[in-house]
Amino acid sequence: MTGAHPGAPLPRPRLHWARAPSISPTKARPVTPLQAYVVEDNATIRENLIGTLEELTCVKVVGTSASENDTLKWLEQNPDGWDILIVDLFLQQGSGIHLAQSISRRRPDQKLVVFSNYINANVRKRCAQLGVDAVFDKSTEIDSLVDYCAHQCFRVAQIQAQTQTQAA
């Protein structure tokens, strides 16, 4: 590398929002998909995120919204209709932080995830105080979000396998 100092850290590669190649389903995939609701006001990011999660994990997006009020309305009408809620911090109306504050009553297995470009130590701390299960930076942690969702799929598959074994 021309101009690089010995021992200098290599630049981190930028993650691209291109759709991932299709992966064929395997037996490891749970019978029931993980139902996700995505709260994102940028249509391009929302569609790319949905495509990525549905292609690489067992996640099935059951709904989307671009605002706090629309999300709260949907959650009120569908309290058990989701397993994972993925929320941006800045929305067309309202905010992801207010949304996290409003979602105090949920099943223990329902996961609340913040996915935003505006992540720093203070935001992570505030999210933890509000009971957010995971926080990911859009610009650098898309792979980590996919891994988190894949892990949740594995967790659900294990629970389903245990339930089927006990029922047999």
C-alpha atoms as a PDB file:
ATOM      1  CA  MET A   1       0.000   0.000   0.000  1.00  0.00           C
ATOM      2  CA  THR A   2       1.539   3.260  -1.088  1.00  0.00           C
ATOM      3  CA  GLY A   3       1.675   5.924   1.601  1.00  0.00           C
ATOM      4  CA  ALA A   4       0.649   3.603   4.446  1.00  0.00           C
ATOM      5  CA  HIS A   5       2.680   3.693   7.619  1.00  0.00           C
ATOM      6  CA  PRO A   6       3.912   0.350   8.980  1.00  0.00           C
ATOM      7  CA  GLY A   7       1.620  -0.762  11.785  1.00  0.00           C
ATOM      8  CA  ALA A   8      -1.164   1.652  10.787  1.00  0.00           C
ATOM      9  CA  PRO A   9      -4.629   0.100  10.991  1.00  0.00           C
ATOM     10  CA  LEU A  10      -6.233  -0.861   7.724  1.00  0.00           C
ATOM     11  CA  PRO A  11      -9.317   1.112   6.738  1.00  0.00           C
ATOM     12  CA  ARG A  12     -12.596  -0.654   7.556  1.00  0.00           C
ATOM     13  CA  PRO A  13     -14.481  -1.747   4.468  1.00  0.00           C
ATOM     14  CA  ARG A  14     -17.773   0.029   3.849  1.00  0.00           C
ATOM     15  CA  LEU A  15     -20.808  -2.207   3.896  1.00  0.00           C
ATOM     16  CA  HIS A  16     -23.057  -1.896   0.900  1.00  0.00           C
ATOM     17  CA  TRP A  17     -26.823  -2.144   0.857  1.00  0.00           C
ATOM     18  CA  ALA A  18     -26.900  -4.385  -2.179  1.00  0.00           C
ATOM     19  CA  ARG A  19     -29.272  -7.310  -1.992  1.00  0.00           C
ATOM     20  CA  ALA A  20     -27.569 -10.455  -0.857  1.00  0.00           C
ATOM     21  CA  PRO A  21     -27.647 -13.489  -3.151  1.00  0.00           C
ATOM     22  CA  SER A  22     -30.499 -15.907  -2.559  1.00  0.00           C
ATOM     23  CA  ILE A  23     -29.803 -18.680  -0.121  1.00  0.00           C
ATOM     24  CA  SER A  24     -31.871 -21.798  -0.410  1.00  0.00           C
ATOM     25  CA  PRO A  25     -33.796 -22.823   2.703  1.00  0.00           C
ATOM     26  CA  THR A  26     -32.266 -25.536   4.853  1.00  0.00           C
ATOM     27  CA  LYS A  27     -33.572 -27.962   7.424  1.00  0.00           C
ATOM     28  CA  ALA A  28     -32.081 -25.719  10.123  1.00  0.00           C
ATOM     29  CA  ARG A  29     -34.657 -23.058   9.325  1.00  0.00           C
ATOM     30  CA  PRO A  30     -37.487 -23.000  11.859  1.00  0.00           C
ATOM     31  CA  VAL A  31     -40.938 -24.124  10.775  1.00  0.00           C
ATOM     32  CA  THR A  32     -42.431 -20.828  11.861  1.00  0.00           C
ATOM     33  CA  PRO A  33     -40.643 -17.675  10.656  1.00  0.00           C
ATOM     34  CA  LEU A  34     -39.689 -14.932  13.065  1.00  0.00           C
ATOM     35  CA  GLN A  35     -42.293 -12.198  12.539  1.00  0.00           C
ATOM     36  CA  ALA A  36     -40.745  -8.751  12.229  1.00  0.00           C
ATOM     37  CA  TYR A  37     -42.181  -5.269  12.105  1.00  0.00           C
ATOM     38  CA  VAL A  38     -39.858  -2.630  10.612  1.00  0.00           C
ATOM     39  CA  VAL A  39     -40.121   1.060  11.520  1.00  0.00           C
ATOM     40  CA  GLU A  40     -38.052   2.999   8.965  1.00  0.00           C
ATOM     41  CA  ASP A  41     -38.963   6.186   7.103  1.00  0.00           C
ATOM     42  CA  ASN A  42     -36.462   5.789   4.245  1.00  0.00           C
ATOM     43  CA  ALA A  43     -38.135   3.549   1.642  1.00  0.00           C
ATOM     44  CA  THR A  44     -34.859   2.447   0.026  1.00  0.00           C
ATOM     45  CA  ILE A  45     -33.300   1.419   3.339  1.00  0.00           C
ATOM     46  CA  ARG A  46     -36.551  -0.248   4.419  1.00  0.00           C
ATOM     47  CA  GLU A  47     -36.845  -2.342   1.242  1.00  0.00           C
ATOM     48  CA  ASN A  48     -33.167  -3.324   1.249  1.00  0.00           C
ATOM     49  CA  LEU A  49     -33.345  -4.269   4.923  1.00  0.00           C
ATOM     50  CA  ILE A  50     -36.443  -6.394   4.369  1.00  0.00           C
ATOM     51  CA  GLY A  51     -34.857  -8.157   1.387  1.00  0.00           C
ATOM     52  CA  THR A  52     -31.642  -8.831   3.262  1.00  0.00           C
ATOM     53  CA  LEU A  53     -33.311 -10.167   6.412  1.00  0.00           C
ATOM     54  CA  GLU A  54     -35.815 -12.325   4.528  1.00  0.00           C
ATOM     55  CA  GLU A  55     -33.114 -13.811   2.284  1.00  0.00           C
ATOM     56  CA  LEU A  56     -30.478 -14.462   4.948  1.00  0.00           C
ATOM     57  CA  THR A  57     -32.551 -15.364   8.023  1.00  0.00           C
ATOM     58  CA  CYS A  58     -35.909 -16.866   8.944  1.00  0.00           C
ATOM     59  CA  VAL A  59     -37.338 -13.363   9.404  1.00  0.00           C
ATOM     60  CA  LYS A  60     -40.641 -12.630   7.690  1.00  0.00           C
ATOM     61  CA  VAL A  61     -41.599  -8.954   7.741  1.00  0.00           C
ATOM     62  CA  VAL A  62     -45.292  -8.734   8.638  1.00  0.00           C
ATOM     63  CA  GLY A  63     -45.557  -4.960   8.496  1.00  0.00           C
ATOM     64  CA  THR A  64     -43.789  -1.646   8.178  1.00  0.00           C
ATOM     65  CA  SER A  65     -44.307   1.928   9.213  1.00  0.00           C
ATOM     66  CA  ALA A  66     -42.546   5.270   8.866  1.00  0.00           C
ATOM     67  CA  SER A  67     -43.968   6.948  11.978  1.00  0.00           C
ATOM     68  CA  GLU A  68     -44.324   6.494  15.711  1.00  0.00           C
ATOM     69  CA  ASN A  69     -48.125   6.869  15.703  1.00  0.00           C
ATOM     70  CA  ASP A  70     -48.694   4.335  12.908  1.00  0.00           C
ATOM     71  CA  THR A  71     -46.446   1.864  14.695  1.00  0.00           C
ATOM     72  CA  LEU A  72     -48.203   2.294  18.039  1.00  0.00           C
ATOM     73  CA  LYS A  73     -51.565   1.818  16.314  1.00  0.00           C
ATOM     74  CA  TRP A  74     -50.372  -1.391  14.645  1.00  0.00           C
ATOM     75  CA  LEU A  75     -48.837  -2.735  17.860  1.00  0.00           C
ATOM     76  CA  GLU A  76     -52.058  -2.040  19.763  1.00  0.00           C
ATOM     77  CA  GLN A  77     -54.050  -3.992  17.169  1.00  0.00           C
ATOM     78  CA  ASN A  78     -51.432  -6.785  16.927  1.00  0.00           C
ATOM     79  CA  PRO A  79     -49.865  -7.237  20.384  1.00  0.00           C
ATOM     80  CA  ASP A  80     -48.850 -10.823  19.602  1.00  0.00           C
ATOM     81  CA  GLY A  81     -48.322 -10.309  15.862  1.00  0.00           C
ATOM     82  CA  TRP A  82     -44.571  -9.733  16.099  1.00  0.00           C
ATOM     83  CA  ASP A  83     -41.438 -11.342  17.476  1.00  0.00           C
ATOM     84  CA  ILE A  84     -38.936  -8.630  16.633  1.00  0.00           C
ATOM     85  CA  LEU A  85     -39.449  -4.890  16.206  1.00  0.00           C
ATOM     86  CA  ILE A  86     -36.689  -3.074  14.303  1.00  0.00           C
ATOM     87  CA  VAL A  87     -36.828   0.689  14.848  1.00  0.00           C
ATOM     88  CA  ASP A  88     -34.958   3.674  13.409  1.00  0.00           C
ATOM     89  CA  LEU A  89     -34.432   6.616  15.766  1.00  0.00           C
ATOM     90  CA  PHE A  90     -35.549   9.403  13.422  1.00  0.00           C
ATOM     91  CA  LEU A  91     -38.942   8.914  11.803  1.00  0.00           C
ATOM     92  CA  GLN A  92     -41.360  10.911   9.645  1.00  0.00           C
ATOM     93  CA  GLN A  93     -43.327  11.578  12.826  1.00  0.00           C
ATOM     94  CA  GLY A  94     -42.118  10.873  16.344  1.00  0.00           C
ATOM     95  CA  SER A  95     -38.952   9.026  17.266  1.00  0.00           C
ATOM     96  CA  GLY A  96     -37.614   5.570  17.939  1.00  0.00           C
ATOM     97  CA  ILE A  97     -36.706   6.581  21.503  1.00  0.00           C
ATOM     98  CA  HIS A  98     -40.308   7.619  22.227  1.00  0.00           C
ATOM     99  CA  LEU A  99     -41.459   4.373  20.645  1.00  0.00           C
ATOM    100  CA  ALA A 100     -39.137   2.370  22.917  1.00  0.00           C
ATOM    101  CA  GLN A 101     -40.518   4.263  25.929  1.00  0.00           C
ATOM    102  CA  SER A 102     -44.072   3.422  24.849  1.00  0.00           C
ATOM    103  CA  ILE A 103     -43.418  -0.287  24.423  1.00  0.00           C
ATOM    104  CA  SER A 104     -43.024  -1.187  28.053  1.00  0.00           C
ATOM    105  CA  ARG A 105     -45.425  -4.120  28.042  1.00  0.00           C
ATOM    106  CA  ARG A 106     -44.413  -6.914  25.690  1.00  0.00           C
ATOM    107  CA  ARG A 107     -43.841 -10.637  25.903  1.00  0.00           C
ATOM    108  CA  PRO A 108     -40.383 -11.574  27.213  1.00  0.00           C
ATOM    109  CA  ASP A 109     -39.587 -13.301  23.908  1.00  0.00           C
ATOM    110  CA  GLN A 110     -40.446 -10.207  21.822  1.00  0.00           C
ATOM    111  CA  LYS A 111     -37.254  -8.360  20.892  1.00  0.00           C
ATOM    112  CA  LEU A 112     -36.916  -4.603  20.420  1.00  0.00           C
ATOM    113  CA  VAL A 113     -33.984  -3.542  18.233  1.00  0.00           C
ATOM    114  CA  VAL A 114     -32.784  -0.046  17.318  1.00  0.00           C
ATOM    115  CA  PHE A 115     -31.154   0.301  13.882  1.00  0.00           C
ATOM    116  CA  SER A 116     -30.015   3.843  13.114  1.00  0.00           C
ATOM    117  CA  ASN A 117     -27.279   6.039  11.658  1.00  0.00           C
ATOM    118  CA  TYR A 118     -27.174   8.043  14.881  1.00  0.00           C
ATOM    119  CA  ILE A 119     -25.651   5.587  17.331  1.00  0.00           C
ATOM    120  CA  ASN A 120     -23.181   6.659  20.002  1.00  0.00           C
ATOM    121  CA  ALA A 121     -22.418   5.687  23.593  1.00  0.00           C
ATOM    122  CA  ASN A 122     -25.185   7.917  25.003  1.00  0.00           C
ATOM    123  CA  VAL A 123     -27.796   6.471  22.646  1.00  0.00           C
ATOM    124  CA  ARG A 124     -26.725   2.919  23.507  1.00  0.00           C
ATOM    125  CA  LYS A 125     -26.983   3.728  27.224  1.00  0.00           C
ATOM    126  CA  ARG A 126     -30.430   5.324  26.862  1.00  0.00           C
ATOM    127  CA  CYS A 127     -31.663   2.378  24.800  1.00  0.00           C
ATOM    128  CA  ALA A 128     -30.434  -0.045  27.457  1.00  0.00           C
ATOM    129  CA  GLN A 129     -32.276   1.967  30.122  1.00  0.00           C
ATOM    130  CA  LEU A 130     -35.475   1.655  28.059  1.00  0.00           C
ATOM    131  CA  GLY A 131     -35.166  -2.121  27.702  1.00  0.00           C
ATOM    132  CA  VAL A 132     -34.040  -2.200  24.083  1.00  0.00           C
ATOM    133  CA  ASP A 133     -32.566  -5.647  23.413  1.00  0.00           C
ATOM    134  CA  ALA A 134     -29.964  -4.617  20.816  1.00  0.00           C
ATOM    135  CA  VAL A 135     -28.657  -1.488  19.083  1.00  0.00           C
ATOM    136  CA  PHE A 136     -26.993  -1.450  15.653  1.00  0.00           C
ATOM    137  CA  ASP A 137     -25.450   1.314  13.541  1.00  0.00           C
ATOM    138  CA  LYS A 138     -26.784   1.285   9.975  1.00  0.00           C
ATOM    139  CA  SER A 139     -23.496   2.418   8.474  1.00  0.00           C
ATOM    140  CA  THR A 140     -21.264  -0.212  10.098  1.00  0.00           C
ATOM    141  CA  GLU A 141     -23.322  -2.957  11.758  1.00  0.00           C
ATOM    142  CA  ILE A 142     -25.731  -4.422   9.176  1.00  0.00           C
ATOM    143  CA  ASP A 143     -23.870  -7.741   9.383  1.00  0.00           C
ATOM    144  CA  SER A 144     -24.300  -7.704  13.159  1.00  0.00           C
ATOM    145  CA  LEU A 145     -28.039  -7.093  12.790  1.00  0.00           C
ATOM    146  CA  VAL A 146     -28.314 -10.029  10.373  1.00  0.00           C
ATOM    147  CA  ASP A 147     -26.317 -12.196  12.814  1.00  0.00           C
ATOM    148  CA  TYR A 148     -28.587 -11.113  15.686  1.00  0.00           C
ATOM    149  CA  CYS A 149     -31.706 -12.009  13.705  1.00  0.00           C
ATOM    150  CA  ALA A 150     -30.188 -15.345  12.640  1.00  0.00           C
ATOM    151  CA  HIS A 151     -29.424 -16.091  16.297  1.00  0.00           C
ATOM    152  CA  GLN A 152     -33.033 -15.301  17.228  1.00  0.00           C
ATOM    153  CA  CYS A 153     -34.163 -17.703  14.482  1.00  0.00           C
ATOM    154  CA  PHE A 154     -31.896 -20.396  15.942  1.00  0.00           C
ATOM    155  CA  ARG A 155     -33.276 -19.723  19.430  1.00  0.00           C
ATOM    156  CA  VAL A 156     -36.846 -20.088  18.158  1.00  0.00           C
ATOM    157  CA  ALA A 157     -35.930 -23.281  16.274  1.00  0.00           C
ATOM    158  CA  GLN A 158     -34.472 -24.771  19.465  1.00  0.00           C
ATOM    159  CA  ILE A 159     -37.619 -23.929  21.428  1.00  0.00           C
ATOM    160  CA  GLN A 160     -39.792 -25.444  18.685  1.00  0.00           C
ATOM    161  CA  ALA A 161     -37.661 -28.607  18.601  1.00  0.00           C
ATOM    162  CA  GLN A 162     -37.881 -28.976  22.388  1.00  0.00           C
ATOM    163  CA  THR A 163     -41.652 -28.476  22.266  1.00  0.00           C
ATOM    164  CA  GLN A 164     -42.029 -31.081  19.500  1.00  0.00           C
ATOM    165  CA  THR A 165     -39.822 -33.549  21.402  1.00  0.00           C
ATOM    166  CA  GLN A 166     -41.842 -33.092  24.588  1.00  0.00           C
ATOM    167  CA  ALA A 167     -45.127 -33.500  22.699  1.00  0.00           C
ATOM    168  CA  ALA A 168     -43.989 -36.768  21.094  1.00  0.00           C
END
